[in-house]
Amino acid sequence: MKVKKTVIQEDFNNFLSREMKAKGLSIRKLASKAGISASYLSHLKTFNNSIPSNEILKKIASALEIDYETILIEAGRAPEDDVQMVGLMRAYGKLDDEDRKLIFKLVENHRKPPKSEQDAEY
């Protein structure tokens, strides 16, 4: 029986898989480091339609040697501003160099205060 996953759950599963691969950890190794059962972690990665508790997320973050805040964001449990920032960063990562330079220029121009006669004196 295939369980339909939410977008957040799919993103979290992909995140977890990427982090495990980057650290060279199998499900058993990560479970052992996190102090959780391998069967629970396997179920979470494969079938579960929910995000684990914050306590479990904290254990997984520690075992993966990543910030707790990072895993909260990936699990959709961070403040909305942080979740939106992650979305922006993912989108930015898909841009080519020309588009990145354009965005950088727009941000820099937005940061500059408008020039006034008073500012010109200083």
PDB file of N, CA and C in Angstrom:
ATOM      1  N   MET A   1       0.837  -1.178   0.000  1.00  0.00           N
ATOM      2  CA  MET A   1       0.000   0.000   0.000  1.00  0.00           C
ATOM      3  C   MET A   1       0.882   1.241   0.000  1.00  0.00           C
ATOM      4  N   LYS A   2       0.694   2.112  -0.957  1.00  0.00           N
ATOM      5  CA  LYS A   2       1.482   3.322  -1.063  1.00  0.00           C
ATOM      6  C   LYS A   2       0.775   4.458  -0.330  1.00  0.00           C
ATOM      7  N   VAL A   3       1.525   5.134   0.544  1.00  0.00           N
ATOM      8  CA  VAL A   3       0.973   6.238   1.315  1.00  0.00           C
ATOM      9  C   VAL A   3       1.302   7.537   0.600  1.00  0.00           C
ATOM     10  N   LYS A   4       0.294   8.366   0.420  1.00  0.00           N
ATOM     11  CA  LYS A   4       0.517   9.659  -0.219  1.00  0.00           C
ATOM     12  C   LYS A   4       1.205  10.592   0.772  1.00  0.00           C
ATOM     13  N   LYS A   5       2.286  11.195   0.335  1.00  0.00           N
ATOM     14  CA  LYS A   5       3.056  12.078   1.202  1.00  0.00           C
ATOM     15  C   LYS A   5       2.757  13.528   0.875  1.00  0.00           C
ATOM     16  N   THR A   6       2.877  14.354   1.883  1.00  0.00           N
ATOM     17  CA  THR A   6       2.736  15.790   1.665  1.00  0.00           C
ATOM     18  C   THR A   6       4.015  16.311   1.029  1.00  0.00           C
ATOM     19  N   VAL A   7       3.960  17.525   0.500  1.00  0.00           N
ATOM     20  CA  VAL A   7       5.152  18.140  -0.090  1.00  0.00           C
ATOM     21  C   VAL A   7       6.243  18.278   0.955  1.00  0.00           C
ATOM     22  N   ILE A   8       5.856  18.693   2.160  1.00  0.00           N
ATOM     23  CA  ILE A   8       6.853  18.848   3.230  1.00  0.00           C
ATOM     24  C   ILE A   8       7.491  17.504   3.545  1.00  0.00           C
ATOM     25  N   GLN A   9       6.680  16.441   3.629  1.00  0.00           N
ATOM     26  CA  GLN A   9       7.221  15.116   3.930  1.00  0.00           C
ATOM     27  C   GLN A   9       8.167  14.662   2.825  1.00  0.00           C
ATOM     28  N   GLU A  10       7.804  14.873   1.560  1.00  0.00           N
ATOM     29  CA  GLU A  10       8.693  14.497   0.460  1.00  0.00           C
ATOM     30  C   GLU A  10       9.989  15.284   0.530  1.00  0.00           C
ATOM     31  N   ASP A  11       9.888  16.591   0.790  1.00  0.00           N
ATOM     32  CA  ASP A  11      11.088  17.412   0.914  1.00  0.00           C
ATOM     33  C   ASP A  11      11.954  16.940   2.080  1.00  0.00           C
ATOM     34  N   PHE A  12      11.307  16.615   3.196  1.00  0.00           N
ATOM     35  CA  PHE A  12      12.051  16.145   4.360  1.00  0.00           C
ATOM     36  C   PHE A  12      12.723  14.810   4.061  1.00  0.00           C
ATOM     37  N   ASN A  13      12.011  13.895   3.423  1.00  0.00           N
ATOM     38  CA  ASN A  13      12.603  12.600   3.067  1.00  0.00           C
ATOM     39  C   ASN A  13      13.791  12.786   2.131  1.00  0.00           C
ATOM     40  N   ASN A  14      13.653  13.661   1.136  1.00  0.00           N
ATOM     41  CA  ASN A  14      14.768  13.941   0.218  1.00  0.00           C
ATOM     42  C   ASN A  14      15.946  14.547   0.967  1.00  0.00           C
ATOM     43  N   PHE A  15      15.655  15.482   1.862  1.00  0.00           N
ATOM     44  CA  PHE A  15      16.693  16.114   2.677  1.00  0.00           C
ATOM     45  C   PHE A  15      17.427  15.060   3.499  1.00  0.00           C
ATOM     46  N   LEU A  16      16.659  14.224   4.182  1.00  0.00           N
ATOM     47  CA  LEU A  16      17.249  13.184   5.020  1.00  0.00           C
ATOM     48  C   LEU A  16      18.118  12.248   4.187  1.00  0.00           C
ATOM     49  N   SER A  17      17.634  11.851   3.036  1.00  0.00           N
ATOM     50  CA  SER A  17      18.413  10.960   2.155  1.00  0.00           C
ATOM     51  C   SER A  17      19.702  11.628   1.695  1.00  0.00           C
ATOM     52  N   ARG A  18      19.620  12.902   1.299  1.00  0.00           N
ATOM     53  CA  ARG A  18      20.821  13.637   0.864  1.00  0.00           C
ATOM     54  C   ARG A  18      21.852  13.730   1.982  1.00  0.00           C
ATOM     55  N   GLU A  19      21.394  14.074   3.181  1.00  0.00           N
ATOM     56  CA  GLU A  19      22.312  14.220   4.310  1.00  0.00           C
ATOM     57  C   GLU A  19      22.957  12.886   4.677  1.00  0.00           C
ATOM     58  N   MET A  20      22.172  11.828   4.661  1.00  0.00           N
ATOM     59  CA  MET A  20      22.721  10.507   4.962  1.00  0.00           C
ATOM     60  C   MET A  20      23.769  10.118   3.925  1.00  0.00           C
ATOM     61  N   LYS A  21      23.464  10.355   2.663  1.00  0.00           N
ATOM     62  CA  LYS A  21      24.408  10.011   1.595  1.00  0.00           C
ATOM     63  C   LYS A  21      25.686  10.838   1.723  1.00  0.00           C
ATOM     64  N   ALA A  22      25.525  12.136   1.991  1.00  0.00           N
ATOM     65  CA  ALA A  22      26.692  13.018   2.114  1.00  0.00           C
ATOM     66  C   ALA A  22      27.599  12.595   3.277  1.00  0.00           C
ATOM     67  N   LYS A  23      26.990  12.053   4.326  1.00  0.00           N
ATOM     68  CA  LYS A  23      27.762  11.645   5.504  1.00  0.00           C
ATOM     69  C   LYS A  23      28.153  10.173   5.440  1.00  0.00           C
ATOM     70  N   GLY A  24      27.718   9.482   4.378  1.00  0.00           N
ATOM     71  CA  GLY A  24      28.039   8.069   4.233  1.00  0.00           C
ATOM     72  C   GLY A  24      27.375   7.194   5.281  1.00  0.00           C
ATOM     73  N   LEU A  25      26.149   7.558   5.668  1.00  0.00           N
ATOM     74  CA  LEU A  25      25.454   6.827   6.716  1.00  0.00           C
ATOM     75  C   LEU A  25      24.314   5.988   6.152  1.00  0.00           C
ATOM     76  N   SER A  26      24.264   4.752   6.567  1.00  0.00           N
ATOM     77  CA  SER A  26      23.127   3.894   6.257  1.00  0.00           C
ATOM     78  C   SER A  26      22.030   4.180   7.282  1.00  0.00           C
ATOM     79  N   ILE A  27      20.878   3.602   7.070  1.00  0.00           N
ATOM     80  CA  ILE A  27      19.791   3.762   8.036  1.00  0.00           C
ATOM     81  C   ILE A  27      20.221   3.228   9.399  1.00  0.00           C
ATOM     82  N   ARG A  28      20.858   2.076   9.412  1.00  0.00           N
ATOM     83  CA  ARG A  28      21.299   1.491  10.686  1.00  0.00           C
ATOM     84  C   ARG A  28      22.327   2.363  11.398  1.00  0.00           C
ATOM     85  N   LYS A  29      23.291   2.891  10.638  1.00  0.00           N
ATOM     86  CA  LYS A  29      24.321   3.731  11.259  1.00  0.00           C
ATOM     87  C   LYS A  29      23.723   5.023  11.814  1.00  0.00           C
ATOM     88  N   LEU A  30      22.836   5.650  11.032  1.00  0.00           N
ATOM     89  CA  LEU A  30      22.213   6.889  11.510  1.00  0.00           C
ATOM     90  C   LEU A  30      21.342   6.600  12.731  1.00  0.00           C
ATOM     91  N   ALA A  31      20.581   5.537  12.674  1.00  0.00           N
ATOM     92  CA  ALA A  31      19.716   5.182  13.802  1.00  0.00           C
ATOM     93  C   ALA A  31      20.547   4.952  15.061  1.00  0.00           C
ATOM     94  N   SER A  32      21.657   4.251  14.912  1.00  0.00           N
ATOM     95  CA  SER A  32      22.530   3.989  16.053  1.00  0.00           C
ATOM     96  C   SER A  32      23.091   5.288  16.626  1.00  0.00           C
ATOM     97  N   LYS A  33      23.570   6.169  15.757  1.00  0.00           N
ATOM     98  CA  LYS A  33      24.115   7.456  16.211  1.00  0.00           C
ATOM     99  C   LYS A  33      23.047   8.332  16.865  1.00  0.00           C
ATOM    100  N   ALA A  34      21.810   8.239  16.360  1.00  0.00           N
ATOM    101  CA  ALA A  34      20.730   9.076  16.875  1.00  0.00           C
ATOM    102  C   ALA A  34      20.054   8.476  18.101  1.00  0.00           C
ATOM    103  N   GLY A  35      20.308   7.198  18.357  1.00  0.00           N
ATOM    104  CA  GLY A  35      19.669   6.546  19.490  1.00  0.00           C
ATOM    105  C   GLY A  35      18.199   6.249  19.256  1.00  0.00           C
ATOM    106  N   ILE A  36      17.865   5.961  17.998  1.00  0.00           N
ATOM    107  CA  ILE A  36      16.495   5.576  17.653  1.00  0.00           C
ATOM    108  C   ILE A  36      16.564   4.245  16.914  1.00  0.00           C
ATOM    109  N   SER A  37      15.452   3.580  16.788  1.00  0.00           N
ATOM    110  CA  SER A  37      15.491   2.263  16.141  1.00  0.00           C
ATOM    111  C   SER A  37      15.622   2.406  14.631  1.00  0.00           C
ATOM    112  N   ALA A  38      16.327   1.473  14.041  1.00  0.00           N
ATOM    113  CA  ALA A  38      16.509   1.474  12.591  1.00  0.00           C
ATOM    114  C   ALA A  38      15.177   1.261  11.883  1.00  0.00           C
ATOM    115  N   SER A  39      14.323   0.450  12.471  1.00  0.00           N
ATOM    116  CA  SER A  39      13.020   0.212  11.830  1.00  0.00           C
ATOM    117  C   SER A  39      12.169   1.481  11.829  1.00  0.00           C
ATOM    118  N   TYR A  40      12.241   2.268  12.904  1.00  0.00           N
ATOM    119  CA  TYR A  40      11.498   3.535  12.944  1.00  0.00           C
ATOM    120  C   TYR A  40      12.037   4.491  11.885  1.00  0.00           C
ATOM    121  N   LEU A  41      13.354   4.603  11.805  1.00  0.00           N
ATOM    122  CA  LEU A  41      13.968   5.499  10.826  1.00  0.00           C
ATOM    123  C   LEU A  41      13.639   5.050   9.405  1.00  0.00           C
ATOM    124  N   SER A  42      13.691   3.765   9.159  1.00  0.00           N
ATOM    125  CA  SER A  42      13.339   3.239   7.839  1.00  0.00           C
ATOM    126  C   SER A  42      11.886   3.548   7.505  1.00  0.00           C
ATOM    127  N   HIS A  43      11.013   3.329   8.465  1.00  0.00           N
ATOM    128  CA  HIS A  43       9.593   3.610   8.273  1.00  0.00           C
ATOM    129  C   HIS A  43       9.383   5.097   8.013  1.00  0.00           C
ATOM    130  N   LEU A  44      10.072   5.918   8.767  1.00  0.00           N
ATOM    131  CA  LEU A  44       9.975   7.373   8.607  1.00  0.00           C
ATOM    132  C   LEU A  44      10.413   7.799   7.213  1.00  0.00           C
ATOM    133  N   LYS A  45      11.531   7.250   6.756  1.00  0.00           N
ATOM    134  CA  LYS A  45      12.080   7.604   5.440  1.00  0.00           C
ATOM    135  C   LYS A  45      11.229   7.093   4.291  1.00  0.00           C
ATOM    136  N   THR A  46      10.597   5.957   4.477  1.00  0.00           N
ATOM    137  CA  THR A  46       9.936   5.288   3.370  1.00  0.00           C
ATOM    138  C   THR A  46       8.421   5.425   3.348  1.00  0.00           C
ATOM    139  N   PHE A  47       7.790   5.188   4.468  1.00  0.00           N
ATOM    140  CA  PHE A  47       6.336   5.064   4.467  1.00  0.00           C
ATOM    141  C   PHE A  47       5.592   6.128   5.263  1.00  0.00           C
ATOM    142  N   ASN A  48       6.190   6.646   6.282  1.00  0.00           N
ATOM    143  CA  ASN A  48       5.456   7.498   7.209  1.00  0.00           C
ATOM    144  C   ASN A  48       4.947   8.769   6.539  1.00  0.00           C
ATOM    145  N   ASN A  49       3.757   9.153   6.883  1.00  0.00           N
ATOM    146  CA  ASN A  49       3.146  10.354   6.314  1.00  0.00           C
ATOM    147  C   ASN A  49       3.193  11.519   7.288  1.00  0.00           C
ATOM    148  N   SER A  50       4.098  11.461   8.252  1.00  0.00           N
ATOM    149  CA  SER A  50       4.210  12.558   9.211  1.00  0.00           C
ATOM    150  C   SER A  50       5.675  12.842   9.512  1.00  0.00           C
ATOM    151  N   ILE A  51       5.904  14.018  10.009  1.00  0.00           N
ATOM    152  CA  ILE A  51       7.248  14.422  10.424  1.00  0.00           C
ATOM    153  C   ILE A  51       7.428  13.966  11.867  1.00  0.00           C
ATOM    154  N   PRO A  52       8.615  13.491  12.237  1.00  0.00           N
ATOM    155  CA  PRO A  52       8.811  13.043  13.615  1.00  0.00           C
ATOM    156  C   PRO A  52       8.737  14.194  14.615  1.00  0.00           C
ATOM    157  N   SER A  53       8.673  13.846  15.869  1.00  0.00           N
ATOM    158  CA  SER A  53       8.611  14.850  16.932  1.00  0.00           C
ATOM    159  C   SER A  53       9.887  15.694  16.934  1.00  0.00           C
ATOM    160  N   ASN A  54       9.810  16.845  17.581  1.00  0.00           N
ATOM    161  CA  ASN A  54      10.989  17.711  17.683  1.00  0.00           C
ATOM    162  C   ASN A  54      12.123  17.010  18.426  1.00  0.00           C
ATOM    163  N   GLU A  55      11.789  16.162  19.401  1.00  0.00           N
ATOM    164  CA  GLU A  55      12.811  15.421  20.135  1.00  0.00           C
ATOM    165  C   GLU A  55      13.582  14.483  19.199  1.00  0.00           C
ATOM    166  N   ILE A  56      12.854  13.781  18.328  1.00  0.00           N
ATOM    167  CA  ILE A  56      13.500  12.883  17.356  1.00  0.00           C
ATOM    168  C   ILE A  56      14.292  13.695  16.336  1.00  0.00           C
ATOM    169  N   LEU A  57      13.723  14.816  15.893  1.00  0.00           N
ATOM    170  CA  LEU A  57      14.447  15.678  14.953  1.00  0.00           C
ATOM    171  C   LEU A  57      15.767  16.149  15.557  1.00  0.00           C
ATOM    172  N   LYS A  58      15.745  16.477  16.834  1.00  0.00           N
ATOM    173  CA  LYS A  58      16.968  16.928  17.507  1.00  0.00           C
ATOM    174  C   LYS A  58      18.013  15.818  17.530  1.00  0.00           C
ATOM    175  N   LYS A  59      17.584  14.590  17.772  1.00  0.00           N
ATOM    176  CA  LYS A  59      18.508  13.449  17.776  1.00  0.00           C
ATOM    177  C   LYS A  59      19.087  13.210  16.389  1.00  0.00           C
ATOM    178  N   ILE A  60      18.238  13.304  15.373  1.00  0.00           N
ATOM    179  CA  ILE A  60      18.706  13.094  13.992  1.00  0.00           C
ATOM    180  C   ILE A  60      19.678  14.199  13.586  1.00  0.00           C
ATOM    181  N   ALA A  61      19.351  15.437  13.951  1.00  0.00           N
ATOM    182  CA  ALA A  61      20.247  16.556  13.634  1.00  0.00           C
ATOM    183  C   ALA A  61      21.614  16.360  14.278  1.00  0.00           C
ATOM    184  N   SER A  62      21.618  15.958  15.527  1.00  0.00           N
ATOM    185  CA  SER A  62      22.879  15.721  16.225  1.00  0.00           C
ATOM    186  C   SER A  62      23.678  14.605  15.554  1.00  0.00           C
ATOM    187  N   ALA A  63      23.000  13.524  15.202  1.00  0.00           N
ATOM    188  CA  ALA A  63      23.674  12.393  14.552  1.00  0.00           C
ATOM    189  C   ALA A  63      24.224  12.770  13.181  1.00  0.00           C
ATOM    190  N   LEU A  64      23.503  13.655  12.472  1.00  0.00           N
ATOM    191  CA  LEU A  64      23.955  14.106  11.149  1.00  0.00           C
ATOM    192  C   LEU A  64      24.956  15.257  11.234  1.00  0.00           C
ATOM    193  N   GLU A  65      25.144  15.747  12.468  1.00  0.00           N
ATOM    194  CA  GLU A  65      26.047  16.880  12.715  1.00  0.00           C
ATOM    195  C   GLU A  65      25.622  18.108  11.924  1.00  0.00           C
ATOM    196  N   ILE A  66      24.316  18.403  12.008  1.00  0.00           N
ATOM    197  CA  ILE A  66      23.767  19.602  11.388  1.00  0.00           C
ATOM    198  C   ILE A  66      23.028  20.400  12.459  1.00  0.00           C
ATOM    199  N   ASP A  67      22.781  21.668  12.182  1.00  0.00           N
ATOM    200  CA  ASP A  67      22.062  22.515  13.126  1.00  0.00           C
ATOM    201  C   ASP A  67      20.635  22.027  13.307  1.00  0.00           C
ATOM    202  N   TYR A  68      20.173  22.108  14.537  1.00  0.00           N
ATOM    203  CA  TYR A  68      18.791  21.743  14.848  1.00  0.00           C
ATOM    204  C   TYR A  68      17.828  22.626  14.070  1.00  0.00           C
ATOM    205  N   GLU A  69      18.168  23.906  13.915  1.00  0.00           N
ATOM    206  CA  GLU A  69      17.315  24.840  13.177  1.00  0.00           C
ATOM    207  C   GLU A  69      17.159  24.407  11.721  1.00  0.00           C
ATOM    208  N   THR A  70      18.223  23.891  11.148  1.00  0.00           N
ATOM    209  CA  THR A  70      18.184  23.439   9.753  1.00  0.00           C
ATOM    210  C   THR A  70      17.174  22.314   9.576  1.00  0.00           C
ATOM    211  N   ILE A  71      17.218  21.342  10.477  1.00  0.00           N
ATOM    212  CA  ILE A  71      16.301  20.213  10.336  1.00  0.00           C
ATOM    213  C   ILE A  71      14.861  20.645  10.626  1.00  0.00           C
ATOM    214  N   LEU A  72      14.686  21.610  11.537  1.00  0.00           N
ATOM    215  CA  LEU A  72      13.341  22.132  11.787  1.00  0.00           C
ATOM    216  C   LEU A  72      12.775  22.797  10.538  1.00  0.00           C
ATOM    217  N   ILE A  73      13.600  23.559   9.867  1.00  0.00           N
ATOM    218  CA  ILE A  73      13.162  24.233   8.633  1.00  0.00           C
ATOM    219  C   ILE A  73      12.788  23.187   7.582  1.00  0.00           C
ATOM    220  N   GLU A  74      13.641  22.184   7.409  1.00  0.00           N
ATOM    221  CA  GLU A  74      13.385  21.143   6.410  1.00  0.00           C
ATOM    222  C   GLU A  74      12.131  20.333   6.741  1.00  0.00           C
ATOM    223  N   ALA A  75      11.829  20.236   8.029  1.00  0.00           N
ATOM    224  CA  ALA A  75      10.643  19.495   8.461  1.00  0.00           C
ATOM    225  C   ALA A  75       9.391  20.369   8.450  1.00  0.00           C
ATOM    226  N   GLY A  76       9.560  21.639   8.076  1.00  0.00           N
ATOM    227  CA  GLY A  76       8.412  22.541   8.028  1.00  0.00           C
ATOM    228  C   GLY A  76       7.959  23.006   9.392  1.00  0.00           C
ATOM    229  N   ARG A  77       8.858  22.976  10.372  1.00  0.00           N
ATOM    230  CA  ARG A  77       8.502  23.352  11.732  1.00  0.00           C
ATOM    231  C   ARG A  77       9.127  24.668  12.168  1.00  0.00           C
ATOM    232  N   ALA A  78       9.670  25.409  11.254  1.00  0.00           N
ATOM    233  CA  ALA A  78      10.302  26.683  11.585  1.00  0.00           C
ATOM    234  C   ALA A  78       9.319  27.806  11.325  1.00  0.00           C
ATOM    235  N   PRO A  79       9.622  28.994  11.844  1.00  0.00           N
ATOM    236  CA  PRO A  79       8.760  30.138  11.529  1.00  0.00           C
ATOM    237  C   PRO A  79       8.629  30.321  10.019  1.00  0.00           C
ATOM    238  N   GLU A  80       7.490  30.822   9.590  1.00  0.00           N
ATOM    239  CA  GLU A  80       7.178  30.960   8.166  1.00  0.00           C
ATOM    240  C   GLU A  80       8.265  31.728   7.411  1.00  0.00           C
ATOM    241  N   ASP A  81       8.832  32.755   8.027  1.00  0.00           N
ATOM    242  CA  ASP A  81       9.888  33.526   7.356  1.00  0.00           C
ATOM    243  C   ASP A  81      11.082  32.638   7.018  1.00  0.00           C
ATOM    244  N   ASP A  82      11.452  31.746   7.943  1.00  0.00           N
ATOM    245  CA  ASP A  82      12.580  30.858   7.696  1.00  0.00           C
ATOM    246  C   ASP A  82      12.269  29.865   6.572  1.00  0.00           C
ATOM    247  N   VAL A  83      11.044  29.349   6.566  1.00  0.00           N
ATOM    248  CA  VAL A  83      10.646  28.405   5.523  1.00  0.00           C
ATOM    249  C   VAL A  83      10.670  29.091   4.161  1.00  0.00           C
ATOM    250  N   GLN A  84      10.173  30.327   4.101  1.00  0.00           N
ATOM    251  CA  GLN A  84      10.203  31.080   2.850  1.00  0.00           C
ATOM    252  C   GLN A  84      11.639  31.330   2.406  1.00  0.00           C
ATOM    253  N   MET A  85      12.530  31.612   3.345  1.00  0.00           N
ATOM    254  CA  MET A  85      13.931  31.861   3.000  1.00  0.00           C
ATOM    255  C   MET A  85      14.565  30.611   2.399  1.00  0.00           C
ATOM    256  N   VAL A  86      14.250  29.459   2.945  1.00  0.00           N
ATOM    257  CA  VAL A  86      14.778  28.216   2.381  1.00  0.00           C
ATOM    258  C   VAL A  86      14.295  28.050   0.943  1.00  0.00           C
ATOM    259  N   GLY A  87      13.018  28.348   0.711  1.00  0.00           N
ATOM    260  CA  GLY A  87      12.477  28.266  -0.651  1.00  0.00           C
ATOM    261  C   GLY A  87      13.203  29.205  -1.591  1.00  0.00           C
ATOM    262  N   LEU A  88      13.476  30.411  -1.117  1.00  0.00           N
ATOM    263  CA  LEU A  88      14.212  31.377  -1.942  1.00  0.00           C
ATOM    264  C   LEU A  88      15.625  30.889  -2.236  1.00  0.00           C
ATOM    265  N   MET A  89      16.271  30.324  -1.231  1.00  0.00           N
ATOM    266  CA  MET A  89      17.637  29.839  -1.429  1.00  0.00           C
ATOM    267  C   MET A  89      17.673  28.663  -2.409  1.00  0.00           C
ATOM    268  N   ARG A  90      16.673  27.795  -2.337  1.00  0.00           N
ATOM    269  CA  ARG A  90      16.613  26.685  -3.285  1.00  0.00           C
ATOM    270  C   ARG A  90      16.416  27.211  -4.711  1.00  0.00           C
ATOM    271  N   ALA A  91      15.532  28.189  -4.848  1.00  0.00           N
ATOM    272  CA  ALA A  91      15.284  28.776  -6.170  1.00  0.00           C
ATOM    273  C   ALA A  91      16.547  29.469  -6.675  1.00  0.00           C
ATOM    274  N   TYR A  92      17.236  30.197  -5.794  1.00  0.00           N
ATOM    275  CA  TYR A  92      18.465  30.897  -6.160  1.00  0.00           C
ATOM    276  C   TYR A  92      19.514  29.899  -6.664  1.00  0.00           C
ATOM    277  N   GLY A  93      19.584  28.747  -6.024  1.00  0.00           N
ATOM    278  CA  GLY A  93      20.554  27.728  -6.410  1.00  0.00           C
ATOM    279  C   GLY A  93      20.334  27.183  -7.811  1.00  0.00           C
ATOM    280  N   LYS A  94      19.133  27.331  -8.323  1.00  0.00           N
ATOM    281  CA  LYS A  94      18.819  26.824  -9.663  1.00  0.00           C
ATOM    282  C   LYS A  94      19.056  27.866 -10.757  1.00  0.00           C
ATOM    283  N   LEU A  95      19.398  29.092 -10.365  1.00  0.00           N
ATOM    284  CA  LEU A  95      19.607  30.155 -11.353  1.00  0.00           C
ATOM    285  C   LEU A  95      20.981  30.045 -11.996  1.00  0.00           C
ATOM    286  N   ASP A  96      21.102  30.569 -13.211  1.00  0.00           N
ATOM    287  CA  ASP A  96      22.425  30.627 -13.836  1.00  0.00           C
ATOM    288  C   ASP A  96      23.158  31.867 -13.320  1.00  0.00           C
ATOM    289  N   ASP A  97      24.447  31.978 -13.644  1.00  0.00           N
ATOM    290  CA  ASP A  97      25.276  33.068 -13.127  1.00  0.00           C
ATOM    291  C   ASP A  97      24.742  34.451 -13.496  1.00  0.00           C
ATOM    292  N   GLU A  98      24.235  34.582 -14.710  1.00  0.00           N
ATOM    293  CA  GLU A  98      23.732  35.881 -15.159  1.00  0.00           C
ATOM    294  C   GLU A  98      22.540  36.327 -14.311  1.00  0.00           C
ATOM    295  N   ASP A  99      21.619  35.402 -14.050  1.00  0.00           N
ATOM    296  CA  ASP A  99      20.459  35.733 -13.225  1.00  0.00           C
ATOM    297  C   ASP A  99      20.864  36.023 -11.781  1.00  0.00           C
ATOM    298  N   ARG A 100      21.856  35.294 -11.266  1.00  0.00           N
ATOM    299  CA  ARG A 100      22.331  35.548  -9.902  1.00  0.00           C
ATOM    300  C   ARG A 100      22.933  36.947  -9.795  1.00  0.00           C
ATOM    301  N   LYS A 101      23.705  37.331 -10.794  1.00  0.00           N
ATOM    302  CA  LYS A 101      24.298  38.674 -10.786  1.00  0.00           C
ATOM    303  C   LYS A 101      23.211  39.738 -10.827  1.00  0.00           C
ATOM    304  N   LEU A 102      22.176  39.513 -11.619  1.00  0.00           N
ATOM    305  CA  LEU A 102      21.070  40.458 -11.709  1.00  0.00           C
ATOM    306  C   LEU A 102      20.368  40.595 -10.359  1.00  0.00           C
ATOM    307  N   ILE A 103      20.105  39.492  -9.697  1.00  0.00           N
ATOM    308  CA  ILE A 103      19.458  39.544  -8.383  1.00  0.00           C
ATOM    309  C   ILE A 103      20.356  40.248  -7.375  1.00  0.00           C
ATOM    310  N   PHE A 104      21.643  39.932  -7.404  1.00  0.00           N
ATOM    311  CA  PHE A 104      22.580  40.587  -6.497  1.00  0.00           C
ATOM    312  C   PHE A 104      22.561  42.101  -6.708  1.00  0.00           C
ATOM    313  N   LYS A 105      22.552  42.509  -7.962  1.00  0.00           N
ATOM    314  CA  LYS A 105      22.526  43.936  -8.280  1.00  0.00           C
ATOM    315  C   LYS A 105      21.230  44.585  -7.774  1.00  0.00           C
ATOM    316  N   LEU A 106      20.099  43.904  -7.953  1.00  0.00           N
ATOM    317  CA  LEU A 106      18.821  44.428  -7.468  1.00  0.00           C
ATOM    318  C   LEU A 106      18.822  44.586  -5.949  1.00  0.00           C
ATOM    319  N   VAL A 107      19.370  43.604  -5.257  1.00  0.00           N
ATOM    320  CA  VAL A 107      19.432  43.677  -3.792  1.00  0.00           C
ATOM    321  C   VAL A 107      20.342  44.815  -3.367  1.00  0.00           C
ATOM    322  N   GLU A 108      21.490  44.935  -3.985  1.00  0.00           N
ATOM    323  CA  GLU A 108      22.413  46.017  -3.643  1.00  0.00           C
ATOM    324  C   GLU A 108      21.775  47.384  -3.880  1.00  0.00           C
ATOM    325  N   ASN A 109      21.084  47.539  -4.993  1.00  0.00           N
ATOM    326  CA  ASN A 109      20.418  48.812  -5.276  1.00  0.00           C
ATOM    327  C   ASN A 109      19.312  49.096  -4.275  1.00  0.00           C
ATOM    328  N   HIS A 110      18.651  48.054  -3.819  1.00  0.00           N
ATOM    329  CA  HIS A 110      17.575  48.222  -2.841  1.00  0.00           C
ATOM    330  C   HIS A 110      18.129  48.657  -1.484  1.00  0.00           C
ATOM    331  N   ARG A 111      19.322  48.224  -1.142  1.00  0.00           N
ATOM    332  CA  ARG A 111      19.951  48.561   0.141  1.00  0.00           C
ATOM    333  C   ARG A 111      20.441  49.999   0.208  1.00  0.00           C
ATOM    334  N   LYS A 112      20.791  50.550  -0.928  1.00  0.00           N
ATOM    335  CA  LYS A 112      21.340  51.904  -0.938  1.00  0.00           C
ATOM    336  C   LYS A 112      20.239  52.910  -0.627  1.00  0.00           C
ATOM    337  N   PRO A 113      20.502  53.794   0.350  1.00  0.00           N
ATOM    338  CA  PRO A 113      19.496  54.821   0.637  1.00  0.00           C
ATOM    339  C   PRO A 113      19.433  55.825  -0.508  1.00  0.00           C
ATOM    340  N   PRO A 114      18.280  56.411  -0.710  1.00  0.00           N
ATOM    341  CA  PRO A 114      18.187  57.404  -1.792  1.00  0.00           C
ATOM    342  C   PRO A 114      19.104  58.588  -1.498  1.00  0.00           C
ATOM    343  N   LYS A 115      19.714  59.070  -2.544  1.00  0.00           N
ATOM    344  CA  LYS A 115      20.620  60.202  -2.377  1.00  0.00           C
ATOM    345  C   LYS A 115      19.795  61.478  -2.265  1.00  0.00           C
ATOM    346  N   SER A 116      20.115  62.228  -1.266  1.00  0.00           N
ATOM    347  CA  SER A 116      19.486  63.527  -1.091  1.00  0.00           C
ATOM    348  C   SER A 116      20.573  64.583  -1.063  1.00  0.00           C
ATOM    349  N   GLU A 117      20.192  65.818  -1.122  1.00  0.00           N
ATOM    350  CA  GLU A 117      21.183  66.885  -1.069  1.00  0.00           C
ATOM    351  C   GLU A 117      21.928  66.852   0.244  1.00  0.00           C
ATOM    352  N   GLN A 118      21.245  66.500   1.316  1.00  0.00           N
ATOM    353  CA  GLN A 118      21.853  66.440   2.628  1.00  0.00           C
ATOM    354  C   GLN A 118      22.932  65.351   2.666  1.00  0.00           C
ATOM    355  N   ASP A 119      22.636  64.186   2.062  1.00  0.00           N
ATOM    356  CA  ASP A 119      23.592  63.078   2.034  1.00  0.00           C
ATOM    357  C   ASP A 119      24.833  63.462   1.222  1.00  0.00           C
ATOM    358  N   ALA A 120      24.648  64.232   0.170  1.00  0.00           N
ATOM    359  CA  ALA A 120      25.754  64.599  -0.692  1.00  0.00           C
ATOM    360  C   ALA A 120      26.776  65.485   0.029  1.00  0.00           C
ATOM    361  N   GLU A 121      26.355  66.197   1.056  1.00  0.00           N
ATOM    362  CA  GLU A 121      27.265  67.070   1.793  1.00  0.00           C
ATOM    363  C   GLU A 121      28.256  66.276   2.612  1.00  0.00           C
ATOM    364  N   TYR A 122      27.901  65.091   3.016  1.00  0.00           N
ATOM    365  CA  TYR A 122      28.783  64.284   3.867  1.00  0.00           C
ATOM    366  C   TYR A 122      29.640  63.466   3.014  1.00  0.00           C
TER     367      TYR A 122
END
